Amino acid sequence: MLVYGAINDSDDNDYYLVTLTGPSAIDVAGRRITQWTESAADTRLDLYDTDGVALDNCSIWFEIPTTADPRLFVETAGTYAVRVQAEDEGYGFYALNVRPLVVINEVDNRSSSTNPFVELLGPPSFSLAGWALCTFDGNGDPVDAGDPCVDLSALSTDSMGYLAIQDSAVASSALALPPGPGALSLQYLGTPVDGVQYGAVTTGVLAEGEPAEVGTWRVIGRAAGVDTNNNRMDFMYMEAPSQGLPNDRKFPAALPLYGEPEG
């Protein structure tokens, strides 16, 4: 979910009611939330239960656009109220992004790739116990019919929240992603939580909204961790593979989000 909003001072609080179906991440990104006398302004993100009680460890102050990672991580499903608030005389536009706790971040199935990989993005140093990645070809069939999903339980994200899983590091052939159309399903305890389909798959598998473009010559990557539940909107062609780093758009964004350069 991606929602755009605007705030103009500390008395202007924006509230959103969100229903999380599983472990989730919530963050705010902005271009021009600032103060009249400063180049950056403190902004606050808070999480409340439906009775209006603030949740422990679910409040963060950060400067937009200077804080590298303004995210809250929520591991329990449920309905919550999210508040966005600016410091005194802060003003500007922002984007509120609510997505699964871990998402598919980058896919390399180029025809020129000698070692295809899939990169995930989640909390820093996060154990993926209970998580699995399932892969499908252009016919909607498992890439490895005998072992369709990669068990991620022994793996963890790095200090920035990234985990790149290469074909050469997997015992099965599930990550030997064939060039052309295909799909990926990220699952937690057997339940799909995130998916990306790229190109037209014969038996329409796991597209969220419209399928993403096929990365025949270029890697495709998620735009700054945003999840609008539309693969075509969320994934873009990238200048080059960027394992362990923020994704680099081939074409500049009109409104860069956190982790992306301006311009």
Foldseek 3Di string as FASTA:
>chain_A
DKDKDKDFFQVDKDKDKDFFPFKKKKFKWFDAFDAPPDRWWKKKKWKAAPVRHTDPPGMDIDIPPPDQDGMDIDGDTGIIMMMIGTYGRTIHMMMMFMAHQKEWFWWDQAPPDPKTKTKMFHAAFAAPAQKKKFKWAQQRAQPFNVDGIHHRRVDTAHRRRMDIDICVNGPTNRRNHHADWIKMFMDGNRHTRYMATEHHRNVDDDAQAEHDHGPHPFMKGFQQPHCPSHNNVGIAGAPHDDGPAHTHHPDDDPTHTRRYDHD
